[in-house]
Amino acid sequence: MVGMAKLLVQRSKPSGYVYVADWSGSSLQHKMDHLACFIAATLAIGAQDGRRFDAEYMALAEGIGETCYQMYARMKTGLAPEFVQFTSRDLEAGRSAVFNIGRPETVESLFVLWYYTQDPRWREMGWNIFTAFETYAATGSGAPPPARRRRAPPSRRRAAAPRAHRR
């Protein structure tokens, strides 16, 4: 973790968001995938063993957790893009990433941060993300909209399961 913190962890300007940059093999790419938001939970859990870097890991976990939340909060719908880029204008949705596939990493990290800190702001952040999904991504059936569903050809469909009878 120390190597990651020294080599990949960056701060955006002007907001000072903490993020884990991508390494291309020869240089840093100032972007962070939503998938990288798991690292906040990993660091928070790792900071619980009473060792030398616990305070630094927890501070880093909280900084990354805040950035991951901002990936949601700074978007018009409140839903995060697949990745963000850090430019002179700070955190921005990547041009090819303006979609959300319902990844759980940020909300999982927010829960872990709340669990270890008991700070209600982490729960509030999680609630804000939940309400954005309810508002902009929920469907009546819990499944994708019909236009996006793929059905097997009729010969491969299974028989429908029997329905429970109401009393």
Foldseek 3Di string as FASTA:
>chain_A
DVVQCVPFWDAFPPVGQTAGFDDPPPDTFQKHFLVVLLQLLVLQVVLPPPDDCNVVSNVNSVSSLVVSLCLQVVDPLSAHWRMWGGDNVGTGHDPVTPDHDPDCRSLVSLVSNCVRPVDCVSVVSNVSSVVSCVVPPADPVRDHPPVPDDDDPPVPDDDDDDDDDDD
